[in-house]
Structure formats: structure tokens, C-alpha cells
Amino acid sequence: MMAQALLHKGFSFIDVLQPCVTFNNTYERYNESVEVLDQIPESYDEAVALARRKDKLPIGIFYQVKKPAHHQALYGDWNPVLKRLSRKERLKKVASLLSPR
């Protein structure tokens, strides 16, 4: 799951669940409750319905959208860190945005 989250371009959220066996042996109950998802739900509503289940604890990828990451949609291939504008150029752009047209 962690490798898939790292390879996904964009936001990823990982919730790690682990039974605590320090005071009680909850490992068996955990194994009975967990259900591994075979496939990614097709819609957002289906993913929310899975997350709200009370009878089983589904684990896996709940929802995944394939679209450009925010910085790619905003900048494209241009890298704002490597190809940064000078302070003078930035101030000039800000002034042009603030001036009445």
C-alpha cells in the first residue's frame, strides 16, 4: 500500500491498522473483521458506502482518481523551483495583476 501511495502522482492517504495484543489477544478478532478489497470501487459513492460498513472492516484502495497533479495542471512541465523568476520579474508580474485594466 505504501509503495502504491508513493507511486501515485497526487495526494495519497494511508491509514495503518494494527491489532494491539499487549493486554488482549485481539489478533483473531481483527482477522475475522478485516476484508481485503479485490478491486478499487468504481465511484466515489461506492467508496463512501464501503467506508461506512459496520459488519466488516474493508482494507485496500478505496478511491483513486487519475488526473494531473495540481502542480502539473498549474505549471505543466515548467519547474517553478529550478526556473524561478527573479524578484524584479515577480514584482513586475504582481504589479501587472494589481493594475486596473
PDB file of N, CA and C in Angstrom:
ATOM      1  N   MET A   1       0.824  -1.190   0.000  1.00  0.00           N
ATOM      2  CA  MET A   1       0.000   0.000   0.000  1.00  0.00           C
ATOM      3  C   MET A   1       0.868   1.252   0.000  1.00  0.00           C
ATOM      4  N   MET A   2       1.928   1.240   0.805  1.00  0.00           N
ATOM      5  CA  MET A   2       2.792   2.419   0.868  1.00  0.00           C
ATOM      6  C   MET A   2       3.506   2.659  -0.461  1.00  0.00           C
ATOM      7  N   ALA A   3       3.950   1.595  -1.106  1.00  0.00           N
ATOM      8  CA  ALA A   3       4.607   1.744  -2.403  1.00  0.00           C
ATOM      9  C   ALA A   3       3.633   2.296  -3.437  1.00  0.00           C
ATOM     10  N   GLN A   4       2.392   1.811  -3.415  1.00  0.00           N
ATOM     11  CA  GLN A   4       1.385   2.314  -4.356  1.00  0.00           C
ATOM     12  C   GLN A   4       1.088   3.788  -4.091  1.00  0.00           C
ATOM     13  N   ALA A   5       1.040   4.180  -2.825  1.00  0.00           N
ATOM     14  CA  ALA A   5       0.789   5.581  -2.488  1.00  0.00           C
ATOM     15  C   ALA A   5       1.930   6.465  -2.951  1.00  0.00           C
ATOM     16  N   LEU A   6       3.156   5.986  -2.831  1.00  0.00           N
ATOM     17  CA  LEU A   6       4.306   6.767  -3.282  1.00  0.00           C
ATOM     18  C   LEU A   6       4.352   6.887  -4.797  1.00  0.00           C
ATOM     19  N   LEU A   7       3.932   5.862  -5.496  1.00  0.00           N
ATOM     20  CA  LEU A   7       3.946   5.894  -6.955  1.00  0.00           C
ATOM     21  C   LEU A   7       2.804   6.720  -7.537  1.00  0.00           C
ATOM     22  N   HIS A   8       1.742   6.915  -6.762  1.00  0.00           N
ATOM     23  CA  HIS A   8       0.589   7.704  -7.224  1.00  0.00           C
ATOM     24  C   HIS A   8       0.962   9.180  -7.244  1.00  0.00           C
ATOM     25  N   LYS A   9       0.817   9.808  -8.402  1.00  0.00           N
ATOM     26  CA  LYS A   9       1.112  11.237  -8.502  1.00  0.00           C
ATOM     27  C   LYS A   9      -0.100  12.007  -7.996  1.00  0.00           C
ATOM     28  N   GLY A  10       0.052  12.664  -6.881  1.00  0.00           N
ATOM     29  CA  GLY A  10      -1.046  13.387  -6.268  1.00  0.00           C
ATOM     30  C   GLY A  10      -1.148  13.023  -4.800  1.00  0.00           C
ATOM     31  N   PHE A  11      -2.282  13.342  -4.202  1.00  0.00           N
ATOM     32  CA  PHE A  11      -2.494  13.114  -2.775  1.00  0.00           C
ATOM     33  C   PHE A  11      -2.807  11.651  -2.501  1.00  0.00           C
ATOM     34  N   SER A  12      -2.185  11.109  -1.474  1.00  0.00           N
ATOM     35  CA  SER A  12      -2.479   9.748  -1.012  1.00  0.00           C
ATOM     36  C   SER A  12      -2.636   9.778   0.499  1.00  0.00           C
ATOM     37  N   PHE A  13      -3.581   9.013   1.003  1.00  0.00           N
ATOM     38  CA  PHE A  13      -3.811   8.909   2.444  1.00  0.00           C
ATOM     39  C   PHE A  13      -3.751   7.445   2.820  1.00  0.00           C
ATOM     40  N   ILE A  14      -2.912   7.128   3.801  1.00  0.00           N
ATOM     41  CA  ILE A  14      -2.783   5.749   4.277  1.00  0.00           C
ATOM     42  C   ILE A  14      -3.174   5.710   5.744  1.00  0.00           C
ATOM     43  N   ASP A  15      -4.081   4.826   6.073  1.00  0.00           N
ATOM     44  CA  ASP A  15      -4.481   4.615   7.460  1.00  0.00           C
ATOM     45  C   ASP A  15      -3.993   3.229   7.850  1.00  0.00           C
ATOM     46  N   VAL A  16      -3.071   3.171   8.804  1.00  0.00           N
ATOM     47  CA  VAL A  16      -2.483   1.901   9.209  1.00  0.00           C
ATOM     48  C   VAL A  16      -3.261   1.342  10.399  1.00  0.00           C
ATOM     49  N   LEU A  17      -3.766   0.125  10.237  1.00  0.00           N
ATOM     50  CA  LEU A  17      -4.499  -0.556  11.300  1.00  0.00           C
ATOM     51  C   LEU A  17      -3.664  -1.737  11.779  1.00  0.00           C
ATOM     52  N   GLN A  18      -3.558  -1.863  13.083  1.00  0.00           N
ATOM     53  CA  GLN A  18      -2.754  -2.941  13.641  1.00  0.00           C
ATOM     54  C   GLN A  18      -3.378  -3.375  14.962  1.00  0.00           C
ATOM     55  N   PRO A  19      -3.620  -4.659  15.131  1.00  0.00           N
ATOM     56  CA  PRO A  19      -4.207  -5.110  16.400  1.00  0.00           C
ATOM     57  C   PRO A  19      -3.200  -4.978  17.542  1.00  0.00           C
ATOM     58  N   CYS A  20      -3.683  -4.563  18.689  1.00  0.00           N
ATOM     59  CA  CYS A  20      -2.838  -4.457  19.870  1.00  0.00           C
ATOM     60  C   CYS A  20      -3.022  -5.725  20.699  1.00  0.00           C
ATOM     61  N   VAL A  21      -1.957  -6.475  20.853  1.00  0.00           N
ATOM     62  CA  VAL A  21      -2.045  -7.737  21.586  1.00  0.00           C
ATOM     63  C   VAL A  21      -1.337  -7.649  22.941  1.00  0.00           C
ATOM     64  N   THR A  22      -1.072  -6.451  23.400  1.00  0.00           N
ATOM     65  CA  THR A  22      -0.367  -6.273  24.667  1.00  0.00           C
ATOM     66  C   THR A  22      -1.182  -6.798  25.838  1.00  0.00           C
ATOM     67  N   PHE A  23      -2.453  -6.394  25.927  1.00  0.00           N
ATOM     68  CA  PHE A  23      -3.287  -6.799  27.056  1.00  0.00           C
ATOM     69  C   PHE A  23      -4.337  -7.838  26.685  1.00  0.00           C
ATOM     70  N   ASN A  24      -4.752  -7.852  25.421  1.00  0.00           N
ATOM     71  CA  ASN A  24      -5.740  -8.826  24.951  1.00  0.00           C
ATOM     72  C   ASN A  24      -5.283  -9.377  23.617  1.00  0.00           C
ATOM     73  N   ASN A  25      -5.605 -10.614  23.351  1.00  0.00           N
ATOM     74  CA  ASN A  25      -5.273 -11.199  22.068  1.00  0.00           C
ATOM     75  C   ASN A  25      -6.373 -10.832  21.075  1.00  0.00           C
ATOM     76  N   THR A  26      -6.242  -9.667  20.437  1.00  0.00           N
ATOM     77  CA  THR A  26      -7.248  -9.173  19.501  1.00  0.00           C
ATOM     78  C   THR A  26      -6.931  -9.566  18.063  1.00  0.00           C
ATOM     79  N   TYR A  27      -5.858 -10.316  17.866  1.00  0.00           N
ATOM     80  CA  TYR A  27      -5.427 -10.675  16.519  1.00  0.00           C
ATOM     81  C   TYR A  27      -6.481 -11.519  15.794  1.00  0.00           C
ATOM     82  N   GLU A  28      -7.079 -12.467  16.484  1.00  0.00           N
ATOM     83  CA  GLU A  28      -8.095 -13.322  15.865  1.00  0.00           C
ATOM     84  C   GLU A  28      -9.330 -12.503  15.482  1.00  0.00           C
ATOM     85  N   ARG A  29      -9.764 -11.634  16.370  1.00  0.00           N
ATOM     86  CA  ARG A  29     -10.937 -10.799  16.074  1.00  0.00           C
ATOM     87  C   ARG A  29     -10.641  -9.863  14.896  1.00  0.00           C
ATOM     88  N   TYR A  30      -9.423  -9.335  14.857  1.00  0.00           N
ATOM     89  CA  TYR A  30      -9.009  -8.463  13.758  1.00  0.00           C
ATOM     90  C   TYR A  30      -9.082  -9.225  12.431  1.00  0.00           C
ATOM     91  N   ASN A  31      -8.545 -10.441  12.399  1.00  0.00           N
ATOM     92  CA  ASN A  31      -8.569 -11.240  11.168  1.00  0.00           C
ATOM     93  C   ASN A  31      -9.979 -11.586  10.722  1.00  0.00           C
ATOM     94  N   GLU A  32     -10.880 -11.787  11.668  1.00  0.00           N
ATOM     95  CA  GLU A  32     -12.279 -12.077  11.322  1.00  0.00           C
ATOM     96  C   GLU A  32     -12.985 -10.839  10.764  1.00  0.00           C
ATOM     97  N   SER A  33     -12.618  -9.663  11.248  1.00  0.00           N
ATOM     98  CA  SER A  33     -13.290  -8.427  10.856  1.00  0.00           C
ATOM     99  C   SER A  33     -12.791  -7.847   9.542  1.00  0.00           C
ATOM    100  N   VAL A  34     -11.531  -8.087   9.214  1.00  0.00           N
ATOM    101  CA  VAL A  34     -10.924  -7.464   8.036  1.00  0.00           C
ATOM    102  C   VAL A  34     -11.367  -8.157   6.752  1.00  0.00           C
ATOM    103  N   GLU A  35     -11.620  -7.338   5.744  1.00  0.00           N
ATOM    104  CA  GLU A  35     -11.944  -7.843   4.409  1.00  0.00           C
ATOM    105  C   GLU A  35     -11.092  -7.075   3.400  1.00  0.00           C
ATOM    106  N   VAL A  36     -10.232  -7.775   2.691  1.00  0.00           N
ATOM    107  CA  VAL A  36      -9.351  -7.145   1.709  1.00  0.00           C
ATOM    108  C   VAL A  36     -10.140  -6.881   0.431  1.00  0.00           C
ATOM    109  N   LEU A  37     -10.076  -5.656  -0.063  1.00  0.00           N
ATOM    110  CA  LEU A  37     -10.787  -5.301  -1.291  1.00  0.00           C
ATOM    111  C   LEU A  37     -10.092  -5.914  -2.497  1.00  0.00           C
ATOM    112  N   ASP A  38     -10.855  -6.590  -3.348  1.00  0.00           N
ATOM    113  CA  ASP A  38     -10.303  -7.220  -4.547  1.00  0.00           C
ATOM    114  C   ASP A  38     -10.065  -6.208  -5.659  1.00  0.00           C
ATOM    115  N   GLN A  39     -10.927  -5.204  -5.718  1.00  0.00           N
ATOM    116  CA  GLN A  39     -10.807  -4.194  -6.762  1.00  0.00           C
ATOM    117  C   GLN A  39     -11.173  -2.828  -6.204  1.00  0.00           C
ATOM    118  N   ILE A  40     -10.715  -1.793  -6.892  1.00  0.00           N
ATOM    119  CA  ILE A  40     -11.000  -0.419  -6.478  1.00  0.00           C
ATOM    120  C   ILE A  40     -12.460  -0.110  -6.817  1.00  0.00           C
ATOM    121  N   PRO A  41     -13.218   0.469  -5.877  1.00  0.00           N
ATOM    122  CA  PRO A  41     -14.602   0.841  -6.185  1.00  0.00           C
ATOM    123  C   PRO A  41     -14.665   1.766  -7.404  1.00  0.00           C
ATOM    124  N   GLU A  42     -15.729   1.632  -8.184  1.00  0.00           N
ATOM    125  CA  GLU A  42     -15.837   2.375  -9.441  1.00  0.00           C
ATOM    126  C   GLU A  42     -16.237   3.827  -9.257  1.00  0.00           C
ATOM    127  N   SER A  43     -16.898   4.157  -8.155  1.00  0.00           N
ATOM    128  CA  SER A  43     -17.352   5.532  -7.964  1.00  0.00           C
ATOM    129  C   SER A  43     -17.039   6.000  -6.543  1.00  0.00           C
ATOM    130  N   TYR A  44     -17.109   7.298  -6.367  1.00  0.00           N
ATOM    131  CA  TYR A  44     -16.889   7.892  -5.061  1.00  0.00           C
ATOM    132  C   TYR A  44     -17.954   7.431  -4.066  1.00  0.00           C
ATOM    133  N   ASP A  45     -19.205   7.385  -4.519  1.00  0.00           N
ATOM    134  CA  ASP A  45     -20.306   6.960  -3.645  1.00  0.00           C
ATOM    135  C   ASP A  45     -20.129   5.520  -3.174  1.00  0.00           C
ATOM    136  N   GLU A  46     -19.651   4.665  -4.052  1.00  0.00           N
ATOM    137  CA  GLU A  46     -19.401   3.265  -3.687  1.00  0.00           C
ATOM    138  C   GLU A  46     -18.276   3.181  -2.650  1.00  0.00           C
ATOM    139  N   ALA A  47     -17.245   4.031  -2.800  1.00  0.00           N
ATOM    140  CA  ALA A  47     -16.138   4.051  -1.836  1.00  0.00           C
ATOM    141  C   ALA A  47     -16.617   4.521  -0.468  1.00  0.00           C
ATOM    142  N   VAL A  48     -17.476   5.521  -0.435  1.00  0.00           N
ATOM    143  CA  VAL A  48     -18.018   6.024   0.830  1.00  0.00           C
ATOM    144  C   VAL A  48     -18.887   4.957   1.496  1.00  0.00           C
ATOM    145  N   ALA A  49     -19.670   4.258   0.704  1.00  0.00           N
ATOM    146  CA  ALA A  49     -20.513   3.185   1.254  1.00  0.00           C
ATOM    147  C   ALA A  49     -19.648   2.085   1.874  1.00  0.00           C
ATOM    148  N   LEU A  50     -18.541   1.753   1.234  1.00  0.00           N
ATOM    149  CA  LEU A  50     -17.624   0.754   1.799  1.00  0.00           C
ATOM    150  C   LEU A  50     -17.032   1.241   3.121  1.00  0.00           C
ATOM    151  N   ALA A  51     -16.650   2.498   3.163  1.00  0.00           N
ATOM    152  CA  ALA A  51     -16.034   3.057   4.374  1.00  0.00           C
ATOM    153  C   ALA A  51     -17.013   3.087   5.541  1.00  0.00           C
ATOM    154  N   ARG A  52     -18.302   3.150   5.262  1.00  0.00           N
ATOM    155  CA  ARG A  52     -19.319   3.236   6.323  1.00  0.00           C
ATOM    156  C   ARG A  52     -19.832   1.868   6.786  1.00  0.00           C
ATOM    157  N   ARG A  53     -19.317   0.817   6.220  1.00  0.00           N
ATOM    158  CA  ARG A  53     -19.782  -0.522   6.616  1.00  0.00           C
ATOM    159  C   ARG A  53     -19.530  -0.764   8.093  1.00  0.00           C
ATOM    160  N   LYS A  54     -20.440  -1.461   8.725  1.00  0.00           N
ATOM    161  CA  LYS A  54     -20.330  -1.786  10.150  1.00  0.00           C
ATOM    162  C   LYS A  54     -20.009  -3.259  10.384  1.00  0.00           C
ATOM    163  N   ASP A  55     -20.367  -4.126   9.417  1.00  0.00           N
ATOM    164  CA  ASP A  55     -20.185  -5.556   9.619  1.00  0.00           C
ATOM    165  C   ASP A  55     -18.754  -6.022   9.360  1.00  0.00           C
ATOM    166  N   LYS A  56     -18.056  -5.424   8.417  1.00  0.00           N
ATOM    167  CA  LYS A  56     -16.688  -5.794   8.081  1.00  0.00           C
ATOM    168  C   LYS A  56     -15.821  -4.539   8.022  1.00  0.00           C
ATOM    169  N   LEU A  57     -14.524  -4.737   8.082  1.00  0.00           N
ATOM    170  CA  LEU A  57     -13.563  -3.643   8.008  1.00  0.00           C
ATOM    171  C   LEU A  57     -12.789  -3.785   6.699  1.00  0.00           C
ATOM    172  N   PRO A  58     -13.272  -3.129   5.630  1.00  0.00           N
ATOM    173  CA  PRO A  58     -12.592  -3.280   4.348  1.00  0.00           C
ATOM    174  C   PRO A  58     -11.251  -2.539   4.350  1.00  0.00           C
ATOM    175  N   ILE A  59     -10.226  -3.179   3.761  1.00  0.00           N
ATOM    176  CA  ILE A  59      -8.918  -2.544   3.641  1.00  0.00           C
ATOM    177  C   ILE A  59      -8.455  -2.658   2.196  1.00  0.00           C
ATOM    178  N   GLY A  60      -7.716  -1.667   1.756  1.00  0.00           N
ATOM    179  CA  GLY A  60      -7.221  -1.624   0.383  1.00  0.00           C
ATOM    180  C   GLY A  60      -7.379  -0.226  -0.169  1.00  0.00           C
ATOM    181  N   ILE A  61      -7.360  -0.100  -1.470  1.00  0.00           N
ATOM    182  CA  ILE A  61      -7.542   1.202  -2.112  1.00  0.00           C
ATOM    183  C   ILE A  61      -9.039   1.453  -2.242  1.00  0.00           C
ATOM    184  N   PHE A  62      -9.502   2.521  -1.611  1.00  0.00           N
ATOM    185  CA  PHE A  62     -10.930   2.849  -1.624  1.00  0.00           C
ATOM    186  C   PHE A  62     -11.307   3.710  -2.821  1.00  0.00           C
ATOM    187  N   TYR A  63     -10.453   4.643  -3.158  1.00  0.00           N
ATOM    188  CA  TYR A  63     -10.810   5.594  -4.205  1.00  0.00           C
ATOM    189  C   TYR A  63      -9.533   6.111  -4.847  1.00  0.00           C
ATOM    190  N   GLN A  64      -9.517   6.152  -6.162  1.00  0.00           N
ATOM    191  CA  GLN A  64      -8.343   6.642  -6.867  1.00  0.00           C
ATOM    192  C   GLN A  64      -8.795   7.367  -8.122  1.00  0.00           C
ATOM    193  N   VAL A  65      -8.301   8.576  -8.291  1.00  0.00           N
ATOM    194  CA  VAL A  65      -8.625   9.376  -9.463  1.00  0.00           C
ATOM    195  C   VAL A  65      -7.345   9.582 -10.253  1.00  0.00           C
ATOM    196  N   LYS A  66      -7.393   9.318 -11.533  1.00  0.00           N
ATOM    197  CA  LYS A  66      -6.232   9.538 -12.389  1.00  0.00           C
ATOM    198  C   LYS A  66      -6.441  10.841 -13.147  1.00  0.00           C
ATOM    199  N   LYS A  67      -5.785  11.868 -12.664  1.00  0.00           N
ATOM    200  CA  LYS A  67      -5.788  13.166 -13.331  1.00  0.00           C
ATOM    201  C   LYS A  67      -4.479  13.851 -12.971  1.00  0.00           C
ATOM    202  N   PRO A  68      -4.118  14.900 -13.700  1.00  0.00           N
ATOM    203  CA  PRO A  68      -2.840  15.555 -13.411  1.00  0.00           C
ATOM    204  C   PRO A  68      -2.804  16.093 -11.981  1.00  0.00           C
ATOM    205  N   ALA A  69      -1.643  15.977 -11.365  1.00  0.00           N
ATOM    206  CA  ALA A  69      -1.471  16.550 -10.029  1.00  0.00           C
ATOM    207  C   ALA A  69      -1.610  18.063 -10.124  1.00  0.00           C
ATOM    208  N   HIS A  70      -1.927  18.703  -9.017  1.00  0.00           N
ATOM    209  CA  HIS A  70      -2.202  20.137  -9.008  1.00  0.00           C
ATOM    210  C   HIS A  70      -1.054  20.946  -9.614  1.00  0.00           C
ATOM    211  N   HIS A  71       0.173  20.636  -9.210  1.00  0.00           N
ATOM    212  CA  HIS A  71       1.302  21.421  -9.716  1.00  0.00           C
ATOM    213  C   HIS A  71       1.518  21.205 -11.214  1.00  0.00           C
ATOM    214  N   GLN A  72       1.189  20.018 -11.720  1.00  0.00           N
ATOM    215  CA  GLN A  72       1.326  19.781 -13.152  1.00  0.00           C
ATOM    216  C   GLN A  72       0.236  20.518 -13.935  1.00  0.00           C
ATOM    217  N   ALA A  73      -0.965  20.547 -13.395  1.00  0.00           N
ATOM    218  CA  ALA A  73      -2.041  21.277 -14.056  1.00  0.00           C
ATOM    219  C   ALA A  73      -1.757  22.768 -14.039  1.00  0.00           C
ATOM    220  N   LEU A  74      -1.126  23.243 -12.981  1.00  0.00           N
ATOM    221  CA  LEU A  74      -0.840  24.672 -12.838  1.00  0.00           C
ATOM    222  C   LEU A  74       0.361  25.101 -13.669  1.00  0.00           C
ATOM    223  N   TYR A  75       1.449  24.323 -13.613  1.00  0.00           N
ATOM    224  CA  TYR A  75       2.701  24.729 -14.252  1.00  0.00           C
ATOM    225  C   TYR A  75       3.056  23.923 -15.498  1.00  0.00           C
ATOM    226  N   GLY A  76       2.451  22.770 -15.712  1.00  0.00           N
ATOM    227  CA  GLY A  76       2.855  21.920 -16.827  1.00  0.00           C
ATOM    228  C   GLY A  76       4.241  21.345 -16.562  1.00  0.00           C
ATOM    229  N   ASP A  77       5.103  21.390 -17.551  1.00  0.00           N
ATOM    230  CA  ASP A  77       6.464  20.873 -17.383  1.00  0.00           C
ATOM    231  C   ASP A  77       7.404  21.908 -16.770  1.00  0.00           C
ATOM    232  N   TRP A  78       6.949  23.123 -16.624  1.00  0.00           N
ATOM    233  CA  TRP A  78       7.786  24.181 -16.064  1.00  0.00           C
ATOM    234  C   TRP A  78       7.979  23.945 -14.571  1.00  0.00           C
ATOM    235  N   ASN A  79       9.215  23.965 -14.112  1.00  0.00           N
ATOM    236  CA  ASN A  79       9.535  23.732 -12.712  1.00  0.00           C
ATOM    237  C   ASN A  79       9.765  25.068 -12.021  1.00  0.00           C
ATOM    238  N   PRO A  80       8.862  25.500 -11.121  1.00  0.00           N
ATOM    239  CA  PRO A  80       8.994  26.817 -10.501  1.00  0.00           C
ATOM    240  C   PRO A  80      10.186  26.938  -9.563  1.00  0.00           C
ATOM    241  N   VAL A  81      10.756  25.837  -9.134  1.00  0.00           N
ATOM    242  CA  VAL A  81      11.917  25.896  -8.243  1.00  0.00           C
ATOM    243  C   VAL A  81      13.193  26.091  -9.055  1.00  0.00           C
ATOM    244  N   LEU A  82      13.335  25.307 -10.112  1.00  0.00           N
ATOM    245  CA  LEU A  82      14.552  25.391 -10.920  1.00  0.00           C
ATOM    246  C   LEU A  82      14.553  26.601 -11.852  1.00  0.00           C
ATOM    247  N   LYS A  83      13.401  26.955 -12.381  1.00  0.00           N
ATOM    248  CA  LYS A  83      13.316  28.053 -13.347  1.00  0.00           C
ATOM    249  C   LYS A  83      12.597  29.240 -12.733  1.00  0.00           C
ATOM    250  N   ARG A  84      13.018  29.600 -11.584  1.00  0.00           N
ATOM    251  CA  ARG A  84      12.364  30.639 -10.803  1.00  0.00           C
ATOM    252  C   ARG A  84      12.630  32.031 -11.385  1.00  0.00           C
ATOM    253  N   LEU A  85      11.619  32.875 -11.347  1.00  0.00           N
ATOM    254  CA  LEU A  85      11.764  34.255 -11.802  1.00  0.00           C
ATOM    255  C   LEU A  85      12.542  35.056 -10.768  1.00  0.00           C
ATOM    256  N   SER A  86      13.208  36.088 -11.230  1.00  0.00           N
ATOM    257  CA  SER A  86      13.920  36.969 -10.298  1.00  0.00           C
ATOM    258  C   SER A  86      12.899  37.780  -9.504  1.00  0.00           C
ATOM    259  N   ARG A  87      13.355  38.388  -8.436  1.00  0.00           N
ATOM    260  CA  ARG A  87      12.459  39.202  -7.601  1.00  0.00           C
ATOM    261  C   ARG A  87      11.856  40.340  -8.420  1.00  0.00           C
ATOM    262  N   LYS A  88      12.666  40.957  -9.241  1.00  0.00           N
ATOM    263  CA  LYS A  88      12.209  42.073 -10.072  1.00  0.00           C
ATOM    264  C   LYS A  88      11.106  41.617 -11.034  1.00  0.00           C
ATOM    265  N   GLU A  89      11.300  40.445 -11.650  1.00  0.00           N
ATOM    266  CA  GLU A  89      10.293  39.914 -12.573  1.00  0.00           C
ATOM    267  C   GLU A  89       9.002  39.554 -11.843  1.00  0.00           C
ATOM    268  N   ARG A  90       9.134  38.994 -10.632  1.00  0.00           N
ATOM    269  CA  ARG A  90       7.936  38.654  -9.839  1.00  0.00           C
ATOM    270  C   ARG A  90       7.164  39.909  -9.458  1.00  0.00           C
ATOM    271  N   LEU A  91       7.865  40.940  -9.008  1.00  0.00           N
ATOM    272  CA  LEU A  91       7.200  42.194  -8.643  1.00  0.00           C
ATOM    273  C   LEU A  91       6.506  42.821  -9.852  1.00  0.00           C
ATOM    274  N   LYS A  92       7.130  42.733 -11.007  1.00  0.00           N
ATOM    275  CA  LYS A  92       6.532  43.266 -12.228  1.00  0.00           C
ATOM    276  C   LYS A  92       5.239  42.527 -12.565  1.00  0.00           C
ATOM    277  N   LYS A  93       5.246  41.182 -12.414  1.00  0.00           N
ATOM    278  CA  LYS A  93       4.041  40.390 -12.687  1.00  0.00           C
ATOM    279  C   LYS A  93       2.929  40.712 -11.692  1.00  0.00           C
ATOM    280  N   VAL A  94       3.281  40.857 -10.408  1.00  0.00           N
ATOM    281  CA  VAL A  94       2.287  41.197  -9.385  1.00  0.00           C
ATOM    282  C   VAL A  94       1.691  42.566  -9.680  1.00  0.00           C
ATOM    283  N   ALA A  95       2.533  43.520 -10.044  1.00  0.00           N
ATOM    284  CA  ALA A  95       2.046  44.879 -10.371  1.00  0.00           C
ATOM    285  C   ALA A  95       1.099  44.836 -11.547  1.00  0.00           C
ATOM    286  N   SER A  96       1.402  44.004 -12.551  1.00  0.00           N
ATOM    287  CA  SER A  96       0.509  43.928 -13.706  1.00  0.00           C
ATOM    288  C   SER A  96      -0.839  43.304 -13.328  1.00  0.00           C
ATOM    289  N   LEU A  97      -0.826  42.399 -12.371  1.00  0.00           N
ATOM    290  CA  LEU A  97      -2.088  41.790 -11.923  1.00  0.00           C
ATOM    291  C   LEU A  97      -2.933  42.774 -11.112  1.00  0.00           C
ATOM    292  N   LEU A  98      -2.262  43.665 -10.364  1.00  0.00           N
ATOM    293  CA  LEU A  98      -2.961  44.594  -9.488  1.00  0.00           C
ATOM    294  C   LEU A  98      -3.404  45.869 -10.193  1.00  0.00           C
ATOM    295  N   SER A  99      -2.827  46.172 -11.334  1.00  0.00           N
ATOM    296  CA  SER A  99      -3.176  47.420 -12.038  1.00  0.00           C
ATOM    297  C   SER A  99      -4.541  47.295 -12.673  1.00  0.00           C
ATOM    298  N   PRO A 100      -5.308  48.378 -12.649  1.00  0.00           N
ATOM    299  CA  PRO A 100      -6.635  48.350 -13.282  1.00  0.00           C
ATOM    300  C   PRO A 100      -6.477  48.272 -14.807  1.00  0.00           C
ATOM    301  N   ARG A 101      -7.417  47.619 -15.417  1.00  0.00           N
ATOM    302  CA  ARG A 101      -7.321  47.442 -16.888  1.00  0.00           C
ATOM    303  C   ARG A 101      -8.259  48.327 -17.606  1.00  0.00           C
TER     304      ARG A 101
END
